[in-house]
Amino acid sequence: SRNGIIVGDFSVAGDPRGHHYMVHAGGFHEIKLPGHPNADFTV
């Protein structure tokens, strides 16, 4: 975004699932979709 919020994907060794993150000013958090706990999705 214009103020430096970055989103993307990440993977973890031994975990076949895809994960998604947001980072801003060095603070990371994983993106989850409310109501879709087991869904495969893109960001």
PDB file of all heavy atoms in Angstrom:
ATOM      1  N   SER A   1       0.834  -1.190   0.000  1.00  0.00           N
ATOM      2  CA  SER A   1       0.000   0.000   0.000  1.00  0.00           C
ATOM      3  C   SER A   1       0.879   1.253   0.000  1.00  0.00           C
ATOM      4  O   SER A   1       2.100   1.197   0.177  1.00  0.00           O
ATOM      5  CB  SER A   1      -0.908   0.011   1.232  1.00  0.00           C
ATOM      6  OG  SER A   1      -0.134   0.227   2.407  1.00  0.00           O
ATOM      7  N   ARG A   2       0.246   2.426  -0.151  1.00  0.00           N
ATOM      8  CA  ARG A   2       0.998   3.677  -0.203  1.00  0.00           C
ATOM      9  C   ARG A   2       1.722   3.985   1.103  1.00  0.00           C
ATOM     10  O   ARG A   2       2.719   4.721   1.113  1.00  0.00           O
ATOM     11  CB  ARG A   2       0.065   4.834  -0.548  1.00  0.00           C
ATOM     12  CG  ARG A   2      -1.010   5.087   0.491  1.00  0.00           C
ATOM     13  CD  ARG A   2      -1.803   6.361   0.215  1.00  0.00           C
ATOM     14  NE  ARG A   2      -2.905   6.516   1.143  1.00  0.00           N
ATOM     15  CZ  ARG A   2      -2.794   6.993   2.378  1.00  0.00           C
ATOM     16  NH1 ARG A   2      -1.610   7.383   2.826  1.00  0.00           N
ATOM     17  NH2 ARG A   2      -3.855   7.100   3.160  1.00  0.00           N
ATOM     18  N   ASN A   3       1.241   3.445   2.235  1.00  0.00           N
ATOM     19  CA  ASN A   3       1.889   3.698   3.519  1.00  0.00           C
ATOM     20  C   ASN A   3       2.746   2.526   3.984  1.00  0.00           C
ATOM     21  O   ASN A   3       3.102   2.431   5.156  1.00  0.00           O
ATOM     22  CB  ASN A   3       0.847   4.056   4.587  1.00  0.00           C
ATOM     23  CG  ASN A   3      -0.212   2.982   4.776  1.00  0.00           C
ATOM     24  OD1 ASN A   3      -0.338   2.088   3.934  1.00  0.00           O
ATOM     25  ND2 ASN A   3      -0.970   3.055   5.843  1.00  0.00           N
ATOM     26  N   GLY A   4       3.087   1.630   3.059  1.00  0.00           N
ATOM     27  CA  GLY A   4       4.081   0.599   3.348  1.00  0.00           C
ATOM     28  C   GLY A   4       3.561  -0.672   3.962  1.00  0.00           C
ATOM     29  O   GLY A   4       4.351  -1.479   4.465  1.00  0.00           O
ATOM     30  N   ILE A   5       2.248  -0.919   3.939  1.00  0.00           N
ATOM     31  CA  ILE A   5       1.725  -2.217   4.368  1.00  0.00           C
ATOM     32  C   ILE A   5       1.976  -3.214   3.248  1.00  0.00           C
ATOM     33  O   ILE A   5       1.585  -2.989   2.112  1.00  0.00           O
ATOM     34  CB  ILE A   5       0.219  -2.146   4.675  1.00  0.00           C
ATOM     35  CG1 ILE A   5      -0.067  -1.130   5.773  1.00  0.00           C
ATOM     36  CG2 ILE A   5      -0.309  -3.520   5.074  1.00  0.00           C
ATOM     37  CD1 ILE A   5      -1.547  -0.916   6.041  1.00  0.00           C
ATOM     38  N   ILE A   6       2.634  -4.319   3.574  1.00  0.00           N
ATOM     39  CA  ILE A   6       2.982  -5.345   2.589  1.00  0.00           C
ATOM     40  C   ILE A   6       2.220  -6.625   2.908  1.00  0.00           C
ATOM     41  O   ILE A   6       2.103  -7.015   4.073  1.00  0.00           O
ATOM     42  CB  ILE A   6       4.500  -5.625   2.589  1.00  0.00           C
ATOM     43  CG1 ILE A   6       5.269  -4.373   2.164  1.00  0.00           C
ATOM     44  CG2 ILE A   6       4.856  -6.799   1.669  1.00  0.00           C
ATOM     45  CD1 ILE A   6       6.781  -4.515   2.287  1.00  0.00           C
ATOM     46  N   VAL A   7       1.673  -7.267   1.862  1.00  0.00           N
ATOM     47  CA  VAL A   7       1.034  -8.570   2.020  1.00  0.00           C
ATOM     48  C   VAL A   7       1.669  -9.558   1.060  1.00  0.00           C
ATOM     49  O   VAL A   7       2.219  -9.183   0.021  1.00  0.00           O
ATOM     50  CB  VAL A   7      -0.492  -8.515   1.790  1.00  0.00           C
ATOM     51  CG1 VAL A   7      -1.177  -7.692   2.860  1.00  0.00           C
ATOM     52  CG2 VAL A   7      -0.816  -7.983   0.397  1.00  0.00           C
ATOM     53  N   GLY A   8       1.581 -10.829   1.430  1.00  0.00           N
ATOM     54  CA  GLY A   8       2.134 -11.870   0.571  1.00  0.00           C
ATOM     55  C   GLY A   8       1.902 -13.243   1.149  1.00  0.00           C
ATOM     56  O   GLY A   8       1.026 -13.442   2.002  1.00  0.00           O
ATOM     57  N   ASP A   9       2.706 -14.189   0.696  1.00  0.00           N
ATOM     58  CA  ASP A   9       2.573 -15.586   1.076  1.00  0.00           C
ATOM     59  C   ASP A   9       3.855 -16.061   1.749  1.00  0.00           C
ATOM     60  O   ASP A   9       4.939 -15.530   1.492  1.00  0.00           O
ATOM     61  CB  ASP A   9       2.315 -16.459  -0.158  1.00  0.00           C
ATOM     62  CG  ASP A   9       1.260 -15.866  -1.075  1.00  0.00           C
ATOM     63  OD1 ASP A   9       0.193 -15.478  -0.561  1.00  0.00           O
ATOM     64  OD2 ASP A   9       1.513 -15.778  -2.288  1.00  0.00           O
ATOM     65  N   PHE A  10       3.724 -17.084   2.593  1.00  0.00           N
ATOM     66  CA  PHE A  10       4.915 -17.714   3.161  1.00  0.00           C
ATOM     67  C   PHE A  10       4.656 -19.197   3.352  1.00  0.00           C
ATOM     68  O   PHE A  10       3.507 -19.639   3.436  1.00  0.00           O
ATOM     69  CB  PHE A  10       5.342 -17.049   4.469  1.00  0.00           C
ATOM     70  CG  PHE A  10       4.427 -17.291   5.644  1.00  0.00           C
ATOM     71  CD1 PHE A  10       4.675 -18.331   6.540  1.00  0.00           C
ATOM     72  CD2 PHE A  10       3.340 -16.465   5.882  1.00  0.00           C
ATOM     73  CE1 PHE A  10       3.840 -18.544   7.639  1.00  0.00           C
ATOM     74  CE2 PHE A  10       2.506 -16.662   6.973  1.00  0.00           C
ATOM     75  CZ  PHE A  10       2.755 -17.713   7.855  1.00  0.00           C
ATOM     76  N   SER A  11       5.734 -19.962   3.394  1.00  0.00           N
ATOM     77  CA  SER A  11       5.632 -21.402   3.624  1.00  0.00           C
ATOM     78  C   SER A  11       6.560 -21.789   4.766  1.00  0.00           C
ATOM     79  O   SER A  11       7.585 -21.151   5.010  1.00  0.00           O
ATOM     80  CB  SER A  11       5.976 -22.192   2.357  1.00  0.00           C
ATOM     81  OG  SER A  11       7.272 -21.880   1.901  1.00  0.00           O
ATOM     82  N   VAL A  12       6.165 -22.866   5.449  1.00  0.00           N
ATOM     83  CA  VAL A  12       6.896 -23.376   6.606  1.00  0.00           C
ATOM     84  C   VAL A  12       7.355 -24.795   6.296  1.00  0.00           C
ATOM     85  O   VAL A  12       6.591 -25.587   5.732  1.00  0.00           O
ATOM     86  CB  VAL A  12       6.005 -23.366   7.870  1.00  0.00           C
ATOM     87  CG1 VAL A  12       6.753 -23.950   9.060  1.00  0.00           C
ATOM     88  CG2 VAL A  12       5.527 -21.951   8.161  1.00  0.00           C
ATOM     89  N   ALA A  13       8.589 -25.122   6.640  1.00  0.00           N
ATOM     90  CA  ALA A  13       9.137 -26.455   6.377  1.00  0.00           C
ATOM     91  C   ALA A  13       8.261 -27.519   7.026  1.00  0.00           C
ATOM     92  O   ALA A  13       7.893 -27.415   8.202  1.00  0.00           O
ATOM     93  CB  ALA A  13      10.564 -26.551   6.900  1.00  0.00           C
ATOM     94  N   GLY A  14       7.912 -28.553   6.242  1.00  0.00           N
ATOM     95  CA  GLY A  14       7.106 -29.651   6.750  1.00  0.00           C
ATOM     96  C   GLY A  14       5.618 -29.389   6.777  1.00  0.00           C
ATOM     97  O   GLY A  14       4.835 -30.264   7.166  1.00  0.00           O
ATOM     98  N   ASP A  15       5.184 -28.192   6.368  1.00  0.00           N
ATOM     99  CA  ASP A  15       3.762 -27.857   6.353  1.00  0.00           C
ATOM    100  C   ASP A  15       3.342 -27.607   4.910  1.00  0.00           C
ATOM    101  O   ASP A  15       3.789 -26.636   4.291  1.00  0.00           O
ATOM    102  CB  ASP A  15       3.518 -26.608   7.194  1.00  0.00           C
ATOM    103  CG  ASP A  15       2.035 -26.269   7.335  1.00  0.00           C
ATOM    104  OD1 ASP A  15       1.214 -26.873   6.616  1.00  0.00           O
ATOM    105  OD2 ASP A  15       1.701 -25.398   8.154  1.00  0.00           O
ATOM    106  N   PRO A  16       2.516 -28.476   4.323  1.00  0.00           N
ATOM    107  CA  PRO A  16       2.147 -28.334   2.913  1.00  0.00           C
ATOM    108  C   PRO A  16       1.180 -27.177   2.649  1.00  0.00           C
ATOM    109  O   PRO A  16       0.976 -26.794   1.503  1.00  0.00           O
ATOM    110  CB  PRO A  16       1.487 -29.673   2.586  1.00  0.00           C
ATOM    111  CG  PRO A  16       0.928 -30.143   3.892  1.00  0.00           C
ATOM    112  CD  PRO A  16       1.897 -29.667   4.940  1.00  0.00           C
ATOM    113  N   ARG A  17       0.590 -26.620   3.697  1.00  0.00           N
ATOM    114  CA  ARG A  17      -0.396 -25.558   3.500  1.00  0.00           C
ATOM    115  C   ARG A  17       0.283 -24.236   3.123  1.00  0.00           C
ATOM    116  O   ARG A  17       1.407 -23.959   3.519  1.00  0.00           O
ATOM    117  CB  ARG A  17      -1.211 -25.346   4.771  1.00  0.00           C
ATOM    118  CG  ARG A  17      -2.027 -26.532   5.236  1.00  0.00           C
ATOM    119  CD  ARG A  17      -2.656 -26.210   6.585  1.00  0.00           C
ATOM    120  NE  ARG A  17      -1.635 -25.850   7.573  1.00  0.00           N
ATOM    121  CZ  ARG A  17      -1.882 -25.142   8.674  1.00  0.00           C
ATOM    122  NH1 ARG A  17      -3.109 -24.708   8.914  1.00  0.00           N
ATOM    123  NH2 ARG A  17      -0.914 -24.877   9.528  1.00  0.00           N
ATOM    124  N   GLY A  18      -0.441 -23.445   2.374  1.00  0.00           N
ATOM    125  CA  GLY A  18       0.008 -22.100   2.105  1.00  0.00           C
ATOM    126  C   GLY A  18      -0.443 -21.162   3.209  1.00  0.00           C
ATOM    127  O   GLY A  18      -1.520 -21.324   3.787  1.00  0.00           O
ATOM    128  N   HIS A  19       0.382 -20.183   3.529  1.00  0.00           N
ATOM    129  CA  HIS A  19       0.064 -19.204   4.561  1.00  0.00           C
ATOM    130  C   HIS A  19       0.198 -17.804   3.964  1.00  0.00           C
ATOM    131  O   HIS A  19       0.897 -17.598   2.968  1.00  0.00           O
ATOM    132  CB  HIS A  19       1.018 -19.342   5.751  1.00  0.00           C
ATOM    133  CG  HIS A  19       0.981 -20.682   6.416  1.00  0.00           C
ATOM    134  ND1 HIS A  19       0.150 -20.972   7.472  1.00  0.00           N
ATOM    135  CD2 HIS A  19       1.670 -21.824   6.163  1.00  0.00           C
ATOM    136  CE1 HIS A  19       0.329 -22.229   7.852  1.00  0.00           C
ATOM    137  NE2 HIS A  19       1.257 -22.768   7.069  1.00  0.00           N
ATOM    138  N   HIS A  20      -0.439 -16.843   4.623  1.00  0.00           N
ATOM    139  CA  HIS A  20      -0.444 -15.479   4.118  1.00  0.00           C
ATOM    140  C   HIS A  20      -0.170 -14.519   5.268  1.00  0.00           C
ATOM    141  O   HIS A  20      -0.572 -14.765   6.409  1.00  0.00           O
ATOM    142  CB  HIS A  20      -1.790 -15.163   3.467  1.00  0.00           C
ATOM    143  CG  HIS A  20      -2.254 -16.242   2.543  1.00  0.00           C
ATOM    144  ND1 HIS A  20      -1.754 -16.397   1.271  1.00  0.00           N
ATOM    145  CD2 HIS A  20      -3.142 -17.257   2.723  1.00  0.00           C
ATOM    146  CE1 HIS A  20      -2.319 -17.443   0.702  1.00  0.00           C
ATOM    147  NE2 HIS A  20      -3.166 -17.977   1.564  1.00  0.00           N
ATOM    148  N   TYR A  21       0.490 -13.417   4.969  1.00  0.00           N
ATOM    149  CA  TYR A  21       0.923 -12.510   6.021  1.00  0.00           C
ATOM    150  C   TYR A  21       0.670 -11.057   5.636  1.00  0.00           C
ATOM    151  O   TYR A  21       0.473 -10.703   4.469  1.00  0.00           O
ATOM    152  CB  TYR A  21       2.419 -12.694   6.303  1.00  0.00           C
ATOM    153  CG  TYR A  21       3.302 -12.141   5.201  1.00  0.00           C
ATOM    154  CD1 TYR A  21       3.731 -10.817   5.222  1.00  0.00           C
ATOM    155  CD2 TYR A  21       3.673 -12.938   4.121  1.00  0.00           C
ATOM    156  CE1 TYR A  21       4.511 -10.293   4.189  1.00  0.00           C
ATOM    157  CE2 TYR A  21       4.454 -12.430   3.091  1.00  0.00           C
ATOM    158  CZ  TYR A  21       4.865 -11.104   3.141  1.00  0.00           C
ATOM    159  OH  TYR A  21       5.617 -10.589   2.110  1.00  0.00           O
ATOM    160  N   MET A  22       0.708 -10.215   6.666  1.00  0.00           N
ATOM    161  CA  MET A  22       0.759  -8.765   6.515  1.00  0.00           C
ATOM    162  C   MET A  22       1.894  -8.267   7.391  1.00  0.00           C
ATOM    163  O   MET A  22       2.087  -8.743   8.513  1.00  0.00           O
ATOM    164  CB  MET A  22      -0.555  -8.127   6.949  1.00  0.00           C
ATOM    165  CG  MET A  22      -0.585  -6.607   6.851  1.00  0.00           C
ATOM    166  SD  MET A  22      -2.153  -5.885   7.444  1.00  0.00           S
ATOM    167  CE  MET A  22      -3.287  -6.476   6.176  1.00  0.00           C
ATOM    168  N   VAL A  23       2.668  -7.313   6.873  1.00  0.00           N
ATOM    169  CA  VAL A  23       3.736  -6.713   7.670  1.00  0.00           C
ATOM    170  C   VAL A  23       3.696  -5.207   7.476  1.00  0.00           C
ATOM    171  O   VAL A  23       3.501  -4.708   6.372  1.00  0.00           O
ATOM    172  CB  VAL A  23       5.126  -7.287   7.295  1.00  0.00           C
ATOM    173  CG1 VAL A  23       5.456  -7.075   5.824  1.00  0.00           C
ATOM    174  CG2 VAL A  23       6.215  -6.681   8.177  1.00  0.00           C
ATOM    175  N   HIS A  24       3.861  -4.488   8.584  1.00  0.00           N
ATOM    176  CA  HIS A  24       3.899  -3.027   8.544  1.00  0.00           C
ATOM    177  C   HIS A  24       4.843  -2.543   9.646  1.00  0.00           C
ATOM    178  O   HIS A  24       4.708  -2.950  10.798  1.00  0.00           O
ATOM    179  CB  HIS A  24       2.511  -2.427   8.751  1.00  0.00           C
ATOM    180  CG  HIS A  24       2.449  -0.951   8.520  1.00  0.00           C
ATOM    181  ND1 HIS A  24       1.652  -0.115   9.257  1.00  0.00           N
ATOM    182  CD2 HIS A  24       3.119  -0.163   7.637  1.00  0.00           C
ATOM    183  CE1 HIS A  24       1.803   1.122   8.830  1.00  0.00           C
ATOM    184  NE2 HIS A  24       2.690   1.126   7.856  1.00  0.00           N
ATOM    185  N   ALA A  25       5.808  -1.729   9.253  1.00  0.00           N
ATOM    186  CA  ALA A  25       6.792  -1.188  10.197  1.00  0.00           C
ATOM    187  C   ALA A  25       7.472  -2.298  10.988  1.00  0.00           C
ATOM    188  O   ALA A  25       7.749  -2.148  12.189  1.00  0.00           O
ATOM    189  CB  ALA A  25       6.124  -0.187  11.131  1.00  0.00           C
ATOM    190  N   GLY A  26       7.738  -3.430  10.340  1.00  0.00           N
ATOM    191  CA  GLY A  26       8.457  -4.533  10.964  1.00  0.00           C
ATOM    192  C   GLY A  26       7.606  -5.488  11.769  1.00  0.00           C
ATOM    193  O   GLY A  26       8.114  -6.492  12.268  1.00  0.00           O
ATOM    194  N   GLY A  27       6.305  -5.213  11.901  1.00  0.00           N
ATOM    195  CA  GLY A  27       5.428  -6.103  12.661  1.00  0.00           C
ATOM    196  C   GLY A  27       4.666  -7.046  11.750  1.00  0.00           C
ATOM    197  O   GLY A  27       3.895  -6.611  10.896  1.00  0.00           O
ATOM    198  N   PHE A  28       4.882  -8.362  11.929  1.00  0.00           N
ATOM    199  CA  PHE A  28       4.249  -9.383  11.101  1.00  0.00           C
ATOM    200  C   PHE A  28       3.014  -9.956  11.787  1.00  0.00           C
ATOM    201  O   PHE A  28       2.999 -10.125  13.016  1.00  0.00           O
ATOM    202  CB  PHE A  28       5.207 -10.553  10.845  1.00  0.00           C
ATOM    203  CG  PHE A  28       6.319 -10.262   9.886  1.00  0.00           C
ATOM    204  CD1 PHE A  28       7.504  -9.707  10.341  1.00  0.00           C
ATOM    205  CD2 PHE A  28       6.192 -10.548   8.539  1.00  0.00           C
ATOM    206  CE1 PHE A  28       8.551  -9.450   9.461  1.00  0.00           C
ATOM    207  CE2 PHE A  28       7.223 -10.303   7.657  1.00  0.00           C
ATOM    208  CZ  PHE A  28       8.405  -9.747   8.119  1.00  0.00           C
ATOM    209  N   HIS A  29       1.999 -10.308  10.994  1.00  0.00           N
ATOM    210  CA  HIS A  29       0.957 -11.189  11.501  1.00  0.00           C
ATOM    211  C   HIS A  29       0.408 -12.017  10.358  1.00  0.00           C
ATOM    212  O   HIS A  29       0.424 -11.590   9.197  1.00  0.00           O
ATOM    213  CB  HIS A  29      -0.146 -10.432  12.233  1.00  0.00           C
ATOM    214  CG  HIS A  29      -1.127  -9.727  11.356  1.00  0.00           C
ATOM    215  ND1 HIS A  29      -1.023  -8.396  11.033  1.00  0.00           N
ATOM    216  CD2 HIS A  29      -2.263 -10.165  10.730  1.00  0.00           C
ATOM    217  CE1 HIS A  29      -2.022  -8.033  10.260  1.00  0.00           C
ATOM    218  NE2 HIS A  29      -2.795  -9.090  10.054  1.00  0.00           N
ATOM    219  N   GLU A  30      -0.064 -13.217  10.692  1.00  0.00           N
ATOM    220  CA  GLU A  30      -0.641 -14.102   9.688  1.00  0.00           C
ATOM    221  C   GLU A  30      -2.083 -13.690   9.421  1.00  0.00           C
ATOM    222  O   GLU A  30      -2.844 -13.377  10.336  1.00  0.00           O
ATOM    223  CB  GLU A  30      -0.580 -15.557  10.139  1.00  0.00           C
ATOM    224  CG  GLU A  30      -1.052 -16.537   9.068  1.00  0.00           C
ATOM    225  CD  GLU A  30      -0.795 -17.992   9.421  1.00  0.00           C
ATOM    226  OE1 GLU A  30      -0.195 -18.255  10.484  1.00  0.00           O
ATOM    227  OE2 GLU A  30      -1.191 -18.867   8.620  1.00  0.00           O
ATOM    228  N   ILE A  31      -2.466 -13.701   8.142  1.00  0.00           N
ATOM    229  CA  ILE A  31      -3.825 -13.336   7.742  1.00  0.00           C
ATOM    230  C   ILE A  31      -4.714 -14.572   7.806  1.00  0.00           C
ATOM    231  O   ILE A  31      -4.392 -15.611   7.228  1.00  0.00           O
ATOM    232  CB  ILE A  31      -3.835 -12.750   6.323  1.00  0.00           C
ATOM    233  CG1 ILE A  31      -3.022 -11.449   6.280  1.00  0.00           C
ATOM    234  CG2 ILE A  31      -5.262 -12.489   5.853  1.00  0.00           C
ATOM    235  CD1 ILE A  31      -2.824 -10.915   4.885  1.00  0.00           C
ATOM    236  N   LYS A  32      -5.821 -14.430   8.512  1.00  0.00           N
ATOM    237  CA  LYS A  32      -6.833 -15.481   8.595  1.00  0.00           C
ATOM    238  C   LYS A  32      -8.152 -14.922   8.074  1.00  0.00           C
ATOM    239  O   LYS A  32      -8.426 -13.726   8.206  1.00  0.00           O
ATOM    240  CB  LYS A  32      -7.009 -15.947  10.039  1.00  0.00           C
ATOM    241  CG  LYS A  32      -5.743 -16.469  10.705  1.00  0.00           C
ATOM    242  CD  LYS A  32      -5.402 -17.865  10.266  1.00  0.00           C
ATOM    243  CE  LYS A  32      -4.278 -18.446  11.120  1.00  0.00           C
ATOM    244  NZ  LYS A  32      -3.944 -19.842  10.746  1.00  0.00           N
ATOM    245  N   LEU A  33      -8.986 -15.790   7.518  1.00  0.00           N
ATOM    246  CA  LEU A  33     -10.291 -15.375   7.045  1.00  0.00           C
ATOM    247  C   LEU A  33     -11.367 -15.781   8.046  1.00  0.00           C
ATOM    248  O   LEU A  33     -11.584 -16.971   8.267  1.00  0.00           O
ATOM    249  CB  LEU A  33     -10.614 -15.999   5.679  1.00  0.00           C
ATOM    250  CG  LEU A  33      -9.783 -15.542   4.487  1.00  0.00           C
ATOM    251  CD1 LEU A  33     -10.359 -16.114   3.198  1.00  0.00           C
ATOM    252  CD2 LEU A  33      -9.689 -14.030   4.402  1.00  0.00           C
ATOM    253  N   PRO A  34     -12.045 -14.813   8.668  1.00  0.00           N
ATOM    254  CA  PRO A  34     -13.110 -15.145   9.619  1.00  0.00           C
ATOM    255  C   PRO A  34     -14.202 -15.993   8.959  1.00  0.00           C
ATOM    256  O   PRO A  34     -14.657 -15.698   7.859  1.00  0.00           O
ATOM    257  CB  PRO A  34     -13.661 -13.772  10.019  1.00  0.00           C
ATOM    258  CG  PRO A  34     -12.556 -12.805   9.715  1.00  0.00           C
ATOM    259  CD  PRO A  34     -11.844 -13.361   8.520  1.00  0.00           C
ATOM    260  N   GLY A  35     -14.594 -17.064   9.636  1.00  0.00           N
ATOM    261  CA  GLY A  35     -15.638 -17.927   9.106  1.00  0.00           C
ATOM    262  C   GLY A  35     -15.159 -18.935   8.094  1.00  0.00           C
ATOM    263  O   GLY A  35     -15.951 -19.743   7.609  1.00  0.00           O
ATOM    264  N   HIS A  36     -13.868 -18.900   7.754  1.00  0.00           N
ATOM    265  CA  HIS A  36     -13.303 -19.841   6.780  1.00  0.00           C
ATOM    266  C   HIS A  36     -11.987 -20.403   7.337  1.00  0.00           C
ATOM    267  O   HIS A  36     -10.917 -20.206   6.768  1.00  0.00           O
ATOM    268  CB  HIS A  36     -13.054 -19.162   5.434  1.00  0.00           C
ATOM    269  CG  HIS A  36     -14.288 -18.611   4.799  1.00  0.00           C
ATOM    270  ND1 HIS A  36     -14.860 -17.413   5.176  1.00  0.00           N
ATOM    271  CD2 HIS A  36     -15.074 -19.108   3.803  1.00  0.00           C
ATOM    272  CE1 HIS A  36     -15.930 -17.187   4.437  1.00  0.00           C
ATOM    273  NE2 HIS A  36     -16.092 -18.193   3.608  1.00  0.00           N
ATOM    274  N   PRO A  37     -12.054 -21.123   8.473  1.00  0.00           N
ATOM    275  CA  PRO A  37     -10.819 -21.537   9.160  1.00  0.00           C
ATOM    276  C   PRO A  37      -9.958 -22.511   8.376  1.00  0.00           C
ATOM    277  O   PRO A  37      -8.741 -22.538   8.557  1.00  0.00           O
ATOM    278  CB  PRO A  37     -11.337 -22.172  10.453  1.00  0.00           C
ATOM    279  CG  PRO A  37     -12.738 -22.605  10.130  1.00  0.00           C
ATOM    280  CD  PRO A  37     -13.253 -21.583   9.178  1.00  0.00           C
ATOM    281  N   ASN A  38     -10.568 -23.311   7.514  1.00  0.00           N
ATOM    282  CA  ASN A  38      -9.805 -24.321   6.780  1.00  0.00           C
ATOM    283  C   ASN A  38      -9.714 -24.032   5.290  1.00  0.00           C
ATOM    284  O   ASN A  38      -9.288 -24.886   4.508  1.00  0.00           O
ATOM    285  CB  ASN A  38     -10.447 -25.701   6.995  1.00  0.00           C
ATOM    286  CG  ASN A  38     -10.483 -26.100   8.456  1.00  0.00           C
ATOM    287  OD1 ASN A  38      -9.485 -25.966   9.167  1.00  0.00           O
ATOM    288  ND2 ASN A  38     -11.634 -26.580   8.916  1.00  0.00           N
ATOM    289  N   ALA A  39     -10.099 -22.843   4.891  1.00  0.00           N
ATOM    290  CA  ALA A  39     -10.140 -22.523   3.464  1.00  0.00           C
ATOM    291  C   ALA A  39      -8.741 -22.269   2.919  1.00  0.00           C
ATOM    292  O   ALA A  39      -7.869 -21.724   3.585  1.00  0.00           O
ATOM    293  CB  ALA A  39     -11.011 -21.296   3.235  1.00  0.00           C
ATOM    294  N   ASP A  40      -8.563 -22.680   1.677  1.00  0.00           N
ATOM    295  CA  ASP A  40      -7.382 -22.309   0.911  1.00  0.00           C
ATOM    296  C   ASP A  40      -7.732 -21.031   0.166  1.00  0.00           C
ATOM    297  O   ASP A  40      -8.751 -20.970  -0.529  1.00  0.00           O
ATOM    298  CB  ASP A  40      -7.023 -23.433  -0.061  1.00  0.00           C
ATOM    299  CG  ASP A  40      -5.720 -23.169  -0.786  1.00  0.00           C
ATOM    300  OD1 ASP A  40      -4.954 -22.282  -0.352  1.00  0.00           O
ATOM    301  OD2 ASP A  40      -5.465 -23.837  -1.809  1.00  0.00           O
ATOM    302  N   PHE A  41      -6.918 -20.001   0.312  1.00  0.00           N
ATOM    303  CA  PHE A  41      -7.257 -18.724  -0.296  1.00  0.00           C
ATOM    304  C   PHE A  41      -5.996 -17.996  -0.733  1.00  0.00           C
ATOM    305  O   PHE A  41      -4.875 -18.378  -0.389  1.00  0.00           O
ATOM    306  CB  PHE A  41      -8.071 -17.851   0.673  1.00  0.00           C
ATOM    307  CG  PHE A  41      -7.345 -17.453   1.932  1.00  0.00           C
ATOM    308  CD1 PHE A  41      -6.728 -16.214   2.037  1.00  0.00           C
ATOM    309  CD2 PHE A  41      -7.290 -18.315   3.030  1.00  0.00           C
ATOM    310  CE1 PHE A  41      -6.063 -15.841   3.201  1.00  0.00           C
ATOM    311  CE2 PHE A  41      -6.633 -17.954   4.192  1.00  0.00           C
ATOM    312  CZ  PHE A  41      -6.014 -16.712   4.278  1.00  0.00           C
ATOM    313  N   THR A  42      -6.182 -16.953  -1.533  1.00  0.00           N
ATOM    314  CA  THR A  42      -5.072 -16.123  -1.968  1.00  0.00           C
ATOM    315  C   THR A  42      -5.217 -14.735  -1.351  1.00  0.00           C
ATOM    316  O   THR A  42      -6.310 -14.309  -0.965  1.00  0.00           O
ATOM    317  CB  THR A  42      -5.031 -15.976  -3.500  1.00  0.00           C
ATOM    318  OG1 THR A  42      -6.200 -15.260  -3.939  1.00  0.00           O
ATOM    319  CG2 THR A  42      -4.985 -17.340  -4.181  1.00  0.00           C
ATOM    320  N   VAL A  43      -4.097 -14.034  -1.273  1.00  0.00           N
ATOM    321  CA  VAL A  43      -4.071 -12.631  -0.871  1.00  0.00           C
ATOM    322  C   VAL A  43      -3.349 -11.883  -1.983  1.00  0.00           C
ATOM    323  O   VAL A  43      -2.162 -12.107  -2.221  1.00  0.00           O
ATOM    324  CB  VAL A  43      -3.357 -12.432   0.474  1.00  0.00           C
ATOM    325  CG1 VAL A  43      -3.177 -10.941   0.769  1.00  0.00           C
ATOM    326  CG2 VAL A  43      -4.125 -13.098   1.601  1.00  0.00           C
TER     327      VAL A  43
END
